[in-house]
Amino acid sequence: MARRSTQMVEEGAMPVYEYQCLECRAHFERVESIGEHGKPAPRCPKCKSARVEQLLAQFFALTGKKS
């Protein structure tokens, strides 16, 4: 299972995407704007392979309402 990020998201912050390398199995995170997500595909920082897959990650949303 993927490691889950517990970073607080500040207003206006860019999303953090989690990836796993299919060659060396390393997990890594990358901050990307919506426009740059997926182009070009990231490379593994450990082995430099382009064979990486995006992992599903948990997220949370801050709203003005209290429930």
C-alpha atoms as a PDB file:
ATOM      1  CA  MET A   1       0.000   0.000   0.000  1.00  0.00           C
ATOM      2  CA  ALA A   2       1.216   3.497  -0.758  1.00  0.00           C
ATOM      3  CA  ARG A   3       2.532   5.796   1.909  1.00  0.00           C
ATOM      4  CA  ARG A   4      -0.024   8.512   2.615  1.00  0.00           C
ATOM      5  CA  SER A   5       0.980  12.155   2.715  1.00  0.00           C
ATOM      6  CA  THR A   6      -0.131  14.093   5.794  1.00  0.00           C
ATOM      7  CA  GLN A   7       0.891  17.512   4.554  1.00  0.00           C
ATOM      8  CA  MET A   8      -1.459  20.402   5.254  1.00  0.00           C
ATOM      9  CA  VAL A   9      -2.645  22.055   2.088  1.00  0.00           C
ATOM     10  CA  GLU A  10      -2.539  25.838   2.081  1.00  0.00           C
ATOM     11  CA  GLU A  11      -4.940  27.886  -0.001  1.00  0.00           C
ATOM     12  CA  GLY A  12      -3.549  28.237  -3.516  1.00  0.00           C
ATOM     13  CA  ALA A  13      -1.068  25.351  -3.084  1.00  0.00           C
ATOM     14  CA  MET A  14      -0.388  22.985  -5.975  1.00  0.00           C
ATOM     15  CA  PRO A  15      -1.350  19.302  -5.652  1.00  0.00           C
ATOM     16  CA  VAL A  16       1.172  16.660  -4.600  1.00  0.00           C
ATOM     17  CA  TYR A  17       1.072  13.500  -6.728  1.00  0.00           C
ATOM     18  CA  GLU A  18       2.439  10.151  -5.555  1.00  0.00           C
ATOM     19  CA  TYR A  19       4.211   7.755  -7.919  1.00  0.00           C
ATOM     20  CA  GLN A  20       5.857   4.330  -7.829  1.00  0.00           C
ATOM     21  CA  CYS A  21       8.670   3.253 -10.127  1.00  0.00           C
ATOM     22  CA  LEU A  22       7.944  -0.025 -11.925  1.00  0.00           C
ATOM     23  CA  GLU A  23      11.677  -0.757 -12.272  1.00  0.00           C
ATOM     24  CA  CYS A  24      13.116  -0.235  -8.764  1.00  0.00           C
ATOM     25  CA  ARG A  25       9.788   0.000  -6.834  1.00  0.00           C
ATOM     26  CA  ALA A  26      10.746   3.347  -5.240  1.00  0.00           C
ATOM     27  CA  HIS A  27       7.925   5.631  -4.075  1.00  0.00           C
ATOM     28  CA  PHE A  28       8.197   9.363  -4.629  1.00  0.00           C
ATOM     29  CA  GLU A  29       6.074  12.500  -4.605  1.00  0.00           C
ATOM     30  CA  ARG A  30       6.009  15.360  -7.081  1.00  0.00           C
ATOM     31  CA  VAL A  31       4.343  18.786  -6.838  1.00  0.00           C
ATOM     32  CA  GLU A  32       2.677  19.652 -10.146  1.00  0.00           C
ATOM     33  CA  SER A  33       0.123  22.172 -11.326  1.00  0.00           C
ATOM     34  CA  ILE A  34      -2.973  20.749 -13.005  1.00  0.00           C
ATOM     35  CA  GLY A  35      -1.635  21.934 -16.386  1.00  0.00           C
ATOM     36  CA  GLU A  36       1.740  20.211 -16.063  1.00  0.00           C
ATOM     37  CA  HIS A  37       0.386  16.955 -14.586  1.00  0.00           C
ATOM     38  CA  GLY A  38       1.132  14.083 -16.942  1.00  0.00           C
ATOM     39  CA  LYS A  39       3.273  16.002 -19.449  1.00  0.00           C
ATOM     40  CA  PRO A  40       5.999  15.063 -19.550  1.00  0.00           C
ATOM     41  CA  ALA A  41       5.709  11.891 -17.499  1.00  0.00           C
ATOM     42  CA  PRO A  42       7.964  12.036 -14.418  1.00  0.00           C
ATOM     43  CA  ARG A  43      11.127   9.969 -14.132  1.00  0.00           C
ATOM     44  CA  CYS A  44      12.123   8.021 -11.035  1.00  0.00           C
ATOM     45  CA  PRO A  45      14.547  10.115  -8.959  1.00  0.00           C
ATOM     46  CA  LYS A  46      16.360   6.941  -7.833  1.00  0.00           C
ATOM     47  CA  CYS A  47      16.975   4.997 -11.071  1.00  0.00           C
ATOM     48  CA  LYS A  48      15.853   7.581 -13.691  1.00  0.00           C
ATOM     49  CA  SER A  49      13.392   5.143 -15.297  1.00  0.00           C
ATOM     50  CA  ALA A  50      10.383   6.555 -17.162  1.00  0.00           C
ATOM     51  CA  ARG A  51       8.342   3.479 -16.189  1.00  0.00           C
ATOM     52  CA  VAL A  52       6.365   4.999 -13.311  1.00  0.00           C
ATOM     53  CA  GLU A  53       2.721   4.797 -12.314  1.00  0.00           C
ATOM     54  CA  GLN A  54       0.655   7.268 -10.353  1.00  0.00           C
ATOM     55  CA  LEU A  55      -0.681   5.971  -7.046  1.00  0.00           C
ATOM     56  CA  LEU A  56      -4.092   6.758  -5.615  1.00  0.00           C
ATOM     57  CA  ALA A  57      -3.749   8.993  -2.586  1.00  0.00           C
ATOM     58  CA  GLN A  58      -6.052  10.218   0.146  1.00  0.00           C
ATOM     59  CA  PHE A  59      -7.027  13.859   0.173  1.00  0.00           C
ATOM     60  CA  PHE A  60      -9.079  16.185   2.305  1.00  0.00           C
ATOM     61  CA  ALA A  61     -11.052  19.314   1.608  1.00  0.00           C
ATOM     62  CA  LEU A  62     -11.390  22.326   3.880  1.00  0.00           C
ATOM     63  CA  THR A  63     -14.790  23.965   3.855  1.00  0.00           C
ATOM     64  CA  GLY A  64     -16.309  26.928   5.627  1.00  0.00           C
ATOM     65  CA  LYS A  65     -19.087  24.849   7.195  1.00  0.00           C
ATOM     66  CA  LYS A  66     -18.767  22.910  10.418  1.00  0.00           C
ATOM     67  CA  SER A  67     -20.605  19.628  10.527  1.00  0.00           C
END
